[in-house]
Amino acid sequence: MKDLVPYDIRLKGLKDGVHTFDFTVGSDFLPFFENAPDDVVTGSVRVLLEKRVGLIIMQFNLNAELHAPCDRCLADIKIPLQGDYKLLIKSMEHPEEIENEDVIVLHPETPVWNVAPVIYENILLAIPVIKRYDCESDLNPPCDMDMIKILSQGIVDETPEDENFSPWKILQNWDNKKNS
């Protein structure tokens, strides 16, 4: 993934201590990943990297905006995405010795590590399941107020008023035999 080179962190030669890396996420970031959502995310990610002997602790701070259609009124909205995530990276000669899924294991001689997949996962975790704008509390909402008005009227009940109506009555006369 040549285009994700800006998300590389050079580990070889990095001294012990705390280091800060700032990354920008633009509209072209999500399409690099397979099965990515069609939404657009823009913002920044700050990575605080603490390097110790044999261990790297990374703290990811996501501050971004999701540009997507509202699930309620279909208007284009912006939803703030924020999150803090911690990641442990252990440096080992034989990575098969560790069986913990919460720890990433790298060889001690790994020169560069790309954080784009981790940033992508953090973005996916920050995206809400229901993308909706709270238009009631905003003076100038981006919502489609005509659609909101239609939705607030409720769903029209289309069941017949006949008390004896049953959708299964049609099946009572159904014959499973072939016509001869």
N, C-alpha and C. Protein backbone atom coordinates (compact mmCIF):
# COMPACT_ATOMS: atom_id res chain seq x y z
N MET A 1 0.83 -1.18 0.00
CA MET A 1 0.00 0.00 0.00
C MET A 1 0.88 1.25 0.00
N LYS A 2 1.32 1.53 -1.18
CA LYS A 2 2.25 2.63 -1.38
C LYS A 2 1.65 3.98 -0.96
N ASP A 3 0.34 4.14 -1.19
CA ASP A 3 -0.31 5.41 -0.88
C ASP A 3 -0.49 5.66 0.61
N LEU A 4 -0.30 4.64 1.42
CA LEU A 4 -0.44 4.79 2.87
C LEU A 4 0.91 5.03 3.56
N VAL A 5 1.93 5.34 2.79
CA VAL A 5 3.27 5.61 3.35
C VAL A 5 3.26 6.76 4.35
N PRO A 6 2.41 7.80 4.18
CA PRO A 6 2.41 8.86 5.19
C PRO A 6 2.03 8.38 6.60
N TYR A 7 1.50 7.18 6.70
CA TYR A 7 1.10 6.63 8.00
C TYR A 7 2.16 5.68 8.58
N ASP A 8 3.34 5.72 8.02
CA ASP A 8 4.45 4.90 8.51
C ASP A 8 5.10 5.57 9.72
N ILE A 9 5.48 4.75 10.69
CA ILE A 9 6.27 5.22 11.82
C ILE A 9 7.60 4.46 11.77
N ARG A 10 8.67 5.21 11.69
CA ARG A 10 10.00 4.60 11.64
C ARG A 10 10.39 4.18 13.05
N LEU A 11 10.45 2.87 13.26
CA LEU A 11 10.77 2.33 14.59
C LEU A 11 12.28 2.17 14.79
N LYS A 12 12.96 1.81 13.73
CA LYS A 12 14.40 1.61 13.83
C LYS A 12 15.08 2.96 14.05
N GLY A 13 15.85 3.05 15.10
CA GLY A 13 16.54 4.29 15.43
C GLY A 13 15.74 5.20 16.34
N LEU A 14 14.51 4.81 16.67
CA LEU A 14 13.69 5.62 17.56
C LEU A 14 14.19 5.42 19.00
N LYS A 15 14.49 6.49 19.65
CA LYS A 15 15.04 6.40 21.01
C LYS A 15 13.94 6.11 22.02
N ASP A 16 14.32 5.56 23.16
CA ASP A 16 13.36 5.32 24.24
C ASP A 16 12.80 6.65 24.72
N GLY A 17 11.52 6.64 25.09
CA GLY A 17 10.87 7.87 25.55
C GLY A 17 9.54 8.06 24.84
N VAL A 18 8.98 9.24 25.02
CA VAL A 18 7.67 9.56 24.44
C VAL A 18 7.85 10.37 23.17
N HIS A 19 7.12 9.96 22.13
CA HIS A 19 7.18 10.64 20.83
C HIS A 19 5.74 10.91 20.37
N THR A 20 5.54 12.00 19.65
CA THR A 20 4.21 12.37 19.17
C THR A 20 4.21 12.37 17.65
N PHE A 21 3.16 11.75 17.07
CA PHE A 21 2.98 11.72 15.63
C PHE A 21 1.56 12.21 15.32
N ASP A 22 1.44 13.12 14.35
CA ASP A 22 0.14 13.62 13.93
C ASP A 22 -0.14 13.16 12.51
N PHE A 23 -1.32 12.60 12.31
CA PHE A 23 -1.74 12.11 11.00
C PHE A 23 -3.05 12.78 10.62
N THR A 24 -3.20 13.03 9.32
CA THR A 24 -4.43 13.62 8.79
C THR A 24 -5.19 12.54 8.04
N VAL A 25 -6.49 12.48 8.30
CA VAL A 25 -7.36 11.54 7.61
C VAL A 25 -8.25 12.37 6.69
N GLY A 26 -8.17 12.08 5.39
CA GLY A 26 -8.96 12.82 4.41
C GLY A 26 -9.99 11.94 3.74
N SER A 27 -10.67 12.52 2.78
CA SER A 27 -11.73 11.79 2.09
C SER A 27 -11.20 10.60 1.29
N ASP A 28 -9.91 10.57 1.03
CA ASP A 28 -9.31 9.47 0.28
C ASP A 28 -8.80 8.33 1.17
N PHE A 29 -8.97 8.43 2.49
CA PHE A 29 -8.41 7.43 3.39
C PHE A 29 -9.20 6.12 3.41
N LEU A 30 -10.50 6.16 3.64
CA LEU A 30 -11.30 4.94 3.78
C LEU A 30 -11.30 4.06 2.53
N PRO A 31 -11.33 4.61 1.31
CA PRO A 31 -11.36 3.75 0.12
C PRO A 31 -10.13 2.85 -0.05
N PHE A 32 -9.05 3.10 0.68
CA PHE A 32 -7.88 2.23 0.58
C PHE A 32 -8.14 0.84 1.16
N PHE A 33 -9.18 0.71 1.97
CA PHE A 33 -9.43 -0.54 2.67
C PHE A 33 -10.61 -1.28 2.05
N GLU A 34 -10.47 -2.59 1.99
CA GLU A 34 -11.51 -3.44 1.44
C GLU A 34 -12.74 -3.40 2.34
N ASN A 35 -13.92 -3.38 1.74
CA ASN A 35 -15.21 -3.36 2.45
C ASN A 35 -15.38 -2.13 3.35
N ALA A 36 -14.74 -1.05 3.01
CA ALA A 36 -14.88 0.18 3.80
C ALA A 36 -16.25 0.79 3.57
N PRO A 37 -16.78 1.48 4.56
CA PRO A 37 -18.06 2.16 4.35
C PRO A 37 -17.94 3.26 3.30
N ASP A 38 -19.06 3.58 2.68
CA ASP A 38 -19.06 4.60 1.62
C ASP A 38 -19.00 6.01 2.17
N ASP A 39 -19.08 6.16 3.46
CA ASP A 39 -19.07 7.48 4.07
C ASP A 39 -17.68 8.12 3.96
N VAL A 40 -17.64 9.42 4.17
CA VAL A 40 -16.38 10.17 4.13
C VAL A 40 -16.04 10.61 5.54
N VAL A 41 -14.80 10.38 5.93
CA VAL A 41 -14.31 10.81 7.25
C VAL A 41 -13.14 11.75 7.03
N THR A 42 -13.18 12.90 7.70
CA THR A 42 -12.07 13.84 7.64
C THR A 42 -11.71 14.24 9.07
N GLY A 43 -10.43 14.41 9.31
CA GLY A 43 -10.01 14.82 10.64
C GLY A 43 -8.55 14.51 10.89
N SER A 44 -8.23 14.34 12.16
CA SER A 44 -6.84 14.10 12.53
C SER A 44 -6.75 13.01 13.60
N VAL A 45 -5.57 12.39 13.64
CA VAL A 45 -5.26 11.39 14.65
C VAL A 45 -3.90 11.73 15.23
N ARG A 46 -3.86 11.84 16.54
CA ARG A 46 -2.60 12.07 17.23
C ARG A 46 -2.19 10.77 17.91
N VAL A 47 -0.96 10.37 17.69
CA VAL A 47 -0.43 9.14 18.28
C VAL A 47 0.69 9.51 19.24
N LEU A 48 0.48 9.17 20.51
CA LEU A 48 1.56 9.30 21.50
C LEU A 48 2.20 7.93 21.63
N LEU A 49 3.46 7.86 21.29
CA LEU A 49 4.19 6.60 21.30
C LEU A 49 5.21 6.64 22.42
N GLU A 50 5.11 5.69 23.33
CA GLU A 50 6.09 5.58 24.42
C GLU A 50 6.91 4.32 24.16
N LYS A 51 8.19 4.51 23.88
CA LYS A 51 9.05 3.38 23.57
C LYS A 51 9.88 3.02 24.80
N ARG A 52 9.81 1.74 25.13
CA ARG A 52 10.64 1.17 26.20
C ARG A 52 11.41 -0.01 25.62
N VAL A 53 12.26 -0.59 26.39
CA VAL A 53 13.01 -1.76 25.94
C VAL A 53 12.03 -2.92 25.76
N GLY A 54 11.88 -3.38 24.52
CA GLY A 54 11.02 -4.53 24.23
C GLY A 54 9.53 -4.24 24.22
N LEU A 55 9.13 -2.98 24.41
CA LEU A 55 7.70 -2.66 24.47
C LEU A 55 7.45 -1.26 23.93
N ILE A 56 6.36 -1.14 23.16
CA ILE A 56 5.91 0.17 22.68
C ILE A 56 4.45 0.32 23.08
N ILE A 57 4.14 1.43 23.72
CA ILE A 57 2.76 1.73 24.10
C ILE A 57 2.31 2.90 23.25
N MET A 58 1.21 2.69 22.50
CA MET A 58 0.69 3.74 21.63
C MET A 58 -0.69 4.17 22.12
N GLN A 59 -0.88 5.47 22.22
CA GLN A 59 -2.18 6.05 22.58
C GLN A 59 -2.67 6.82 21.36
N PHE A 60 -3.80 6.38 20.78
CA PHE A 60 -4.39 7.01 19.61
C PHE A 60 -5.50 7.95 20.07
N ASN A 61 -5.49 9.19 19.56
CA ASN A 61 -6.54 10.15 19.85
C ASN A 61 -7.16 10.57 18.52
N LEU A 62 -8.40 10.13 18.29
CA LEU A 62 -9.12 10.42 17.06
C LEU A 62 -10.02 11.63 17.26
N ASN A 63 -9.92 12.58 16.35
CA ASN A 63 -10.77 13.76 16.35
C ASN A 63 -11.15 14.02 14.90
N ALA A 64 -12.35 13.56 14.50
CA ALA A 64 -12.73 13.63 13.09
C ALA A 64 -14.22 13.90 12.94
N GLU A 65 -14.65 13.99 11.68
CA GLU A 65 -16.04 14.22 11.33
C GLU A 65 -16.46 13.20 10.29
N LEU A 66 -17.65 12.65 10.47
CA LEU A 66 -18.22 11.72 9.51
C LEU A 66 -19.21 12.49 8.65
N HIS A 67 -19.05 12.43 7.34
CA HIS A 67 -19.96 13.06 6.39
C HIS A 67 -20.80 11.94 5.78
N ALA A 68 -22.10 11.90 6.12
CA ALA A 68 -22.95 10.81 5.68
C ALA A 68 -24.40 11.27 5.60
N PRO A 69 -25.24 10.52 4.92
CA PRO A 69 -26.67 10.85 4.93
C PRO A 69 -27.30 10.44 6.26
N CYS A 70 -28.22 11.27 6.74
CA CYS A 70 -28.93 10.97 7.98
C CYS A 70 -29.82 9.75 7.76
N ASP A 71 -29.82 8.84 8.71
CA ASP A 71 -30.66 7.64 8.60
C ASP A 71 -32.14 7.95 8.78
N ARG A 72 -32.44 9.13 9.27
CA ARG A 72 -33.85 9.48 9.51
C ARG A 72 -34.43 10.30 8.36
N CYS A 73 -33.72 11.36 7.94
CA CYS A 73 -34.29 12.25 6.92
C CYS A 73 -33.51 12.27 5.61
N LEU A 74 -32.40 11.57 5.55
CA LEU A 74 -31.56 11.42 4.36
C LEU A 74 -30.80 12.69 3.95
N ALA A 75 -30.81 13.71 4.77
CA ALA A 75 -30.03 14.92 4.49
C ALA A 75 -28.55 14.65 4.79
N ASP A 76 -27.67 15.35 4.11
CA ASP A 76 -26.24 15.21 4.38
C ASP A 76 -25.92 15.86 5.72
N ILE A 77 -25.29 15.11 6.60
CA ILE A 77 -24.97 15.62 7.94
C ILE A 77 -23.51 15.34 8.27
N LYS A 78 -23.03 16.02 9.30
CA LYS A 78 -21.68 15.81 9.82
C LYS A 78 -21.82 15.36 11.27
N ILE A 79 -21.22 14.21 11.57
CA ILE A 79 -21.27 13.66 12.92
C ILE A 79 -19.85 13.66 13.48
N PRO A 80 -19.64 14.25 14.66
CA PRO A 80 -18.29 14.23 15.24
C PRO A 80 -17.91 12.82 15.68
N LEU A 81 -16.68 12.45 15.37
CA LEU A 81 -16.12 11.16 15.79
C LEU A 81 -14.94 11.44 16.70
N GLN A 82 -15.00 10.86 17.90
CA GLN A 82 -13.89 11.03 18.83
C GLN A 82 -13.63 9.71 19.52
N GLY A 83 -12.39 9.49 19.86
CA GLY A 83 -12.05 8.26 20.56
C GLY A 83 -10.61 8.24 20.98
N ASP A 84 -10.36 7.54 22.06
CA ASP A 84 -9.00 7.31 22.56
C ASP A 84 -8.80 5.80 22.65
N TYR A 85 -7.70 5.33 22.09
CA TYR A 85 -7.42 3.91 22.06
C TYR A 85 -5.97 3.66 22.42
N LYS A 86 -5.75 2.59 23.13
CA LYS A 86 -4.39 2.23 23.54
C LYS A 86 -4.01 0.92 22.84
N LEU A 87 -2.77 0.84 22.44
CA LEU A 87 -2.25 -0.33 21.74
C LEU A 87 -0.88 -0.69 22.30
N LEU A 88 -0.68 -1.96 22.55
CA LEU A 88 0.61 -2.45 23.03
C LEU A 88 1.31 -3.22 21.91
N ILE A 89 2.58 -2.93 21.72
CA ILE A 89 3.39 -3.63 20.73
C ILE A 89 4.59 -4.21 21.45
N LYS A 90 4.72 -5.50 21.38
CA LYS A 90 5.83 -6.19 22.04
C LYS A 90 6.86 -6.56 20.98
N SER A 91 8.10 -6.42 21.33
CA SER A 91 9.20 -6.73 20.44
C SER A 91 9.80 -8.07 20.85
N MET A 92 9.67 -9.09 19.96
CA MET A 92 10.15 -10.43 20.28
C MET A 92 10.77 -11.09 19.05
N GLU A 93 11.76 -11.94 19.29
CA GLU A 93 12.40 -12.70 18.22
C GLU A 93 11.45 -13.76 17.66
N HIS A 94 10.66 -14.41 18.55
CA HIS A 94 9.75 -15.48 18.15
C HIS A 94 8.32 -15.09 18.52
N PRO A 95 7.59 -14.45 17.59
CA PRO A 95 6.25 -13.96 17.90
C PRO A 95 5.23 -15.05 18.22
N GLU A 96 5.50 -16.28 17.83
CA GLU A 96 4.55 -17.36 18.10
C GLU A 96 4.49 -17.72 19.59
N GLU A 97 5.40 -17.22 20.39
CA GLU A 97 5.41 -17.53 21.82
C GLU A 97 4.28 -16.83 22.58
N ILE A 98 3.74 -15.76 22.03
CA ILE A 98 2.70 -15.01 22.73
C ILE A 98 1.34 -15.31 22.09
N GLU A 99 0.33 -15.50 22.92
CA GLU A 99 -1.00 -15.85 22.43
C GLU A 99 -2.06 -14.83 22.85
N ASN A 100 -1.67 -13.60 23.05
CA ASN A 100 -2.60 -12.56 23.48
C ASN A 100 -3.03 -11.74 22.27
N GLU A 101 -4.34 -11.65 22.04
CA GLU A 101 -4.84 -10.92 20.88
C GLU A 101 -4.77 -9.41 21.07
N ASP A 102 -4.59 -8.94 22.29
CA ASP A 102 -4.55 -7.51 22.57
C ASP A 102 -3.17 -6.91 22.40
N VAL A 103 -2.20 -7.73 22.07
CA VAL A 103 -0.82 -7.28 21.93
C VAL A 103 -0.35 -7.60 20.52
N ILE A 104 0.21 -6.61 19.84
CA ILE A 104 0.81 -6.84 18.53
C ILE A 104 2.28 -7.17 18.75
N VAL A 105 2.74 -8.19 18.06
CA VAL A 105 4.13 -8.62 18.23
C VAL A 105 4.90 -8.32 16.95
N LEU A 106 5.99 -7.58 17.09
CA LEU A 106 6.87 -7.26 15.97
C LEU A 106 8.28 -7.78 16.25
N HIS A 107 8.98 -8.10 15.19
CA HIS A 107 10.38 -8.50 15.33
C HIS A 107 11.18 -7.27 15.75
N PRO A 108 12.21 -7.44 16.60
CA PRO A 108 13.00 -6.28 17.08
C PRO A 108 13.66 -5.47 15.96
N GLU A 109 13.90 -6.10 14.83
CA GLU A 109 14.57 -5.40 13.72
C GLU A 109 13.60 -4.79 12.72
N THR A 110 12.30 -4.72 13.05
CA THR A 110 11.31 -4.12 12.15
C THR A 110 11.63 -2.64 11.98
N PRO A 111 11.94 -2.21 10.75
CA PRO A 111 12.36 -0.81 10.58
C PRO A 111 11.19 0.18 10.60
N VAL A 112 10.06 -0.20 9.98
CA VAL A 112 8.93 0.72 9.82
C VAL A 112 7.64 -0.05 10.10
N TRP A 113 6.70 0.62 10.75
CA TRP A 113 5.39 0.02 10.99
C TRP A 113 4.32 1.01 10.57
N ASN A 114 3.36 0.54 9.77
CA ASN A 114 2.30 1.40 9.25
C ASN A 114 1.10 1.35 10.18
N VAL A 115 0.65 2.52 10.66
CA VAL A 115 -0.46 2.59 11.62
C VAL A 115 -1.82 2.79 10.93
N ALA A 116 -1.85 2.85 9.59
CA ALA A 116 -3.10 3.08 8.88
C ALA A 116 -4.18 2.04 9.21
N PRO A 117 -3.87 0.74 9.26
CA PRO A 117 -4.92 -0.23 9.61
C PRO A 117 -5.49 -0.01 11.01
N VAL A 118 -4.66 0.41 11.95
CA VAL A 118 -5.14 0.66 13.32
C VAL A 118 -6.03 1.91 13.33
N ILE A 119 -5.62 2.94 12.61
CA ILE A 119 -6.44 4.15 12.51
C ILE A 119 -7.78 3.82 11.87
N TYR A 120 -7.76 3.01 10.82
CA TYR A 120 -8.98 2.58 10.15
C TYR A 120 -9.92 1.86 11.12
N GLU A 121 -9.39 0.93 11.89
CA GLU A 121 -10.20 0.20 12.87
C GLU A 121 -10.78 1.15 13.92
N ASN A 122 -9.99 2.11 14.37
CA ASN A 122 -10.47 3.09 15.35
C ASN A 122 -11.59 3.95 14.78
N ILE A 123 -11.49 4.30 13.51
CA ILE A 123 -12.55 5.07 12.87
C ILE A 123 -13.83 4.24 12.80
N LEU A 124 -13.71 2.98 12.41
CA LEU A 124 -14.89 2.12 12.33
C LEU A 124 -15.56 1.95 13.69
N LEU A 125 -14.76 1.86 14.74
CA LEU A 125 -15.33 1.74 16.09
C LEU A 125 -16.02 3.02 16.54
N ALA A 126 -15.60 4.16 16.01
CA ALA A 126 -16.18 5.44 16.42
C ALA A 126 -17.45 5.80 15.65
N ILE A 127 -17.65 5.16 14.50
CA ILE A 127 -18.85 5.46 13.69
C ILE A 127 -20.07 4.90 14.39
N PRO A 128 -21.08 5.74 14.62
CA PRO A 128 -22.29 5.24 15.30
C PRO A 128 -23.08 4.29 14.40
N VAL A 129 -23.80 3.37 15.02
CA VAL A 129 -24.61 2.42 14.27
C VAL A 129 -25.73 3.16 13.56
N ILE A 130 -26.37 4.08 14.25
CA ILE A 130 -27.43 4.89 13.66
C ILE A 130 -26.88 6.29 13.44
N LYS A 131 -26.82 6.70 12.19
CA LYS A 131 -26.29 8.01 11.84
C LYS A 131 -27.46 8.99 11.81
N ARG A 132 -27.55 9.78 12.84
CA ARG A 132 -28.69 10.67 12.99
C ARG A 132 -28.24 11.99 13.59
N TYR A 133 -28.84 13.05 13.15
CA TYR A 133 -28.53 14.38 13.65
C TYR A 133 -29.63 14.81 14.61
N ASP A 134 -29.25 15.41 15.70
CA ASP A 134 -30.21 15.88 16.70
C ASP A 134 -30.72 17.25 16.27
N CYS A 135 -31.69 17.26 15.36
CA CYS A 135 -32.15 18.52 14.77
C CYS A 135 -33.04 19.33 15.72
N GLU A 136 -33.60 18.68 16.73
CA GLU A 136 -34.47 19.40 17.66
C GLU A 136 -33.71 20.42 18.50
N SER A 137 -32.45 20.17 18.76
CA SER A 137 -31.69 21.06 19.64
C SER A 137 -30.84 22.09 18.88
N ASP A 138 -30.95 22.11 17.56
CA ASP A 138 -30.15 23.02 16.76
C ASP A 138 -31.06 24.09 16.13
N LEU A 139 -30.59 25.33 16.12
CA LEU A 139 -31.37 26.41 15.53
C LEU A 139 -31.40 26.34 14.00
N ASN A 140 -30.31 25.89 13.41
CA ASN A 140 -30.21 25.78 11.96
C ASN A 140 -29.84 24.35 11.56
N PRO A 141 -30.73 23.41 11.70
CA PRO A 141 -30.37 22.02 11.41
C PRO A 141 -30.25 21.77 9.90
N PRO A 142 -29.36 20.85 9.50
CA PRO A 142 -29.23 20.51 8.08
C PRO A 142 -30.31 19.52 7.63
N CYS A 143 -31.22 19.19 8.51
CA CYS A 143 -32.21 18.15 8.24
C CYS A 143 -33.22 18.56 7.17
N ASP A 144 -33.78 17.56 6.53
CA ASP A 144 -34.87 17.75 5.58
C ASP A 144 -36.15 17.82 6.40
N MET A 145 -36.60 19.04 6.70
CA MET A 145 -37.73 19.23 7.60
C MET A 145 -39.04 18.67 7.03
N ASP A 146 -39.17 18.65 5.70
CA ASP A 146 -40.37 18.06 5.10
C ASP A 146 -40.43 16.56 5.41
N MET A 147 -39.29 15.90 5.32
CA MET A 147 -39.22 14.47 5.63
C MET A 147 -39.50 14.23 7.12
N ILE A 148 -38.94 15.06 7.98
CA ILE A 148 -39.17 14.93 9.42
C ILE A 148 -40.66 15.09 9.73
N LYS A 149 -41.31 16.04 9.04
CA LYS A 149 -42.74 16.27 9.25
C LYS A 149 -43.55 15.04 8.85
N ILE A 150 -43.21 14.45 7.72
CA ILE A 150 -43.91 13.24 7.26
C ILE A 150 -43.69 12.09 8.25
N LEU A 151 -42.47 11.96 8.72
CA LEU A 151 -42.17 10.87 9.66
C LEU A 151 -42.86 11.08 11.01
N SER A 152 -43.03 12.33 11.41
CA SER A 152 -43.65 12.60 12.71
C SER A 152 -45.16 12.33 12.69
N GLN A 153 -45.77 12.28 11.50
CA GLN A 153 -47.19 11.98 11.40
C GLN A 153 -47.48 10.51 11.71
N GLY A 154 -46.48 9.69 11.66
CA GLY A 154 -46.66 8.28 11.98
C GLY A 154 -46.93 7.44 10.75
N ILE A 155 -46.92 6.16 10.96
CA ILE A 155 -47.13 5.20 9.88
C ILE A 155 -48.63 4.94 9.74
N VAL A 156 -49.09 4.93 8.51
CA VAL A 156 -50.50 4.69 8.25
C VAL A 156 -50.76 3.20 8.35
N ASP A 157 -51.75 2.83 9.13
CA ASP A 157 -52.11 1.43 9.30
C ASP A 157 -53.00 1.01 8.14
N GLU A 158 -52.54 0.07 7.34
CA GLU A 158 -53.28 -0.34 6.15
C GLU A 158 -54.00 -1.67 6.33
N THR A 159 -54.21 -2.13 7.52
CA THR A 159 -54.95 -3.38 7.72
C THR A 159 -56.43 -3.10 7.57
N PRO A 160 -57.14 -4.01 6.94
CA PRO A 160 -58.58 -3.81 6.75
C PRO A 160 -59.30 -3.73 8.09
N GLU A 161 -60.41 -2.99 8.06
CA GLU A 161 -61.18 -2.80 9.29
C GLU A 161 -62.06 -3.99 9.62
N ASP A 162 -62.17 -4.94 8.71
CA ASP A 162 -62.98 -6.13 8.94
C ASP A 162 -62.36 -6.95 10.06
N GLU A 163 -63.10 -7.21 11.11
CA GLU A 163 -62.58 -7.95 12.26
C GLU A 163 -62.31 -9.41 11.93
N ASN A 164 -62.99 -9.94 10.95
CA ASN A 164 -62.83 -11.35 10.57
C ASN A 164 -61.72 -11.53 9.54
N PHE A 165 -61.07 -10.45 9.16
CA PHE A 165 -60.02 -10.55 8.14
C PHE A 165 -58.82 -11.33 8.69
N SER A 166 -58.34 -12.22 7.87
CA SER A 166 -57.14 -12.97 8.22
C SER A 166 -56.33 -13.17 6.94
N PRO A 167 -55.08 -12.83 6.96
CA PRO A 167 -54.27 -13.04 5.75
C PRO A 167 -54.10 -14.52 5.43
N TRP A 168 -54.41 -15.40 6.37
CA TRP A 168 -54.25 -16.84 6.17
C TRP A 168 -55.47 -17.47 5.49
N LYS A 169 -56.57 -16.74 5.40
CA LYS A 169 -57.78 -17.29 4.77
C LYS A 169 -57.53 -17.65 3.32
N ILE A 170 -56.71 -16.91 2.67
CA ILE A 170 -56.40 -17.18 1.27
C ILE A 170 -55.77 -18.56 1.13
N LEU A 171 -54.99 -18.95 2.09
CA LEU A 171 -54.28 -20.22 2.02
C LEU A 171 -55.17 -21.42 2.38
N GLN A 172 -56.32 -21.18 2.98
CA GLN A 172 -57.19 -22.28 3.38
C GLN A 172 -57.69 -23.06 2.17
N ASN A 173 -57.92 -22.40 1.08
CA ASN A 173 -58.46 -23.07 -0.11
C ASN A 173 -57.36 -23.51 -1.08
N TRP A 174 -56.19 -23.36 -0.70
CA TRP A 174 -55.08 -23.72 -1.58
C TRP A 174 -54.92 -25.22 -1.63
N ASP A 175 -54.80 -25.75 -2.82
CA ASP A 175 -54.67 -27.19 -3.00
C ASP A 175 -53.26 -27.49 -3.44
N ASN A 176 -52.64 -28.39 -2.74
CA ASN A 176 -51.25 -28.74 -3.00
C ASN A 176 -51.13 -29.75 -4.13
N LYS A 177 -52.22 -30.31 -4.58
CA LYS A 177 -52.18 -31.35 -5.61
C LYS A 177 -52.07 -30.73 -7.00
N LYS A 178 -51.45 -31.50 -7.89
CA LYS A 178 -51.33 -31.04 -9.28
C LYS A 178 -52.69 -31.17 -9.95
N ASN A 179 -52.96 -30.22 -10.81
CA ASN A 179 -54.18 -30.31 -11.61
C ASN A 179 -54.00 -31.36 -12.68
N SER A 180 -55.00 -32.23 -12.85
CA SER A 180 -54.86 -33.28 -13.84
C SER A 180 -55.48 -32.91 -15.15
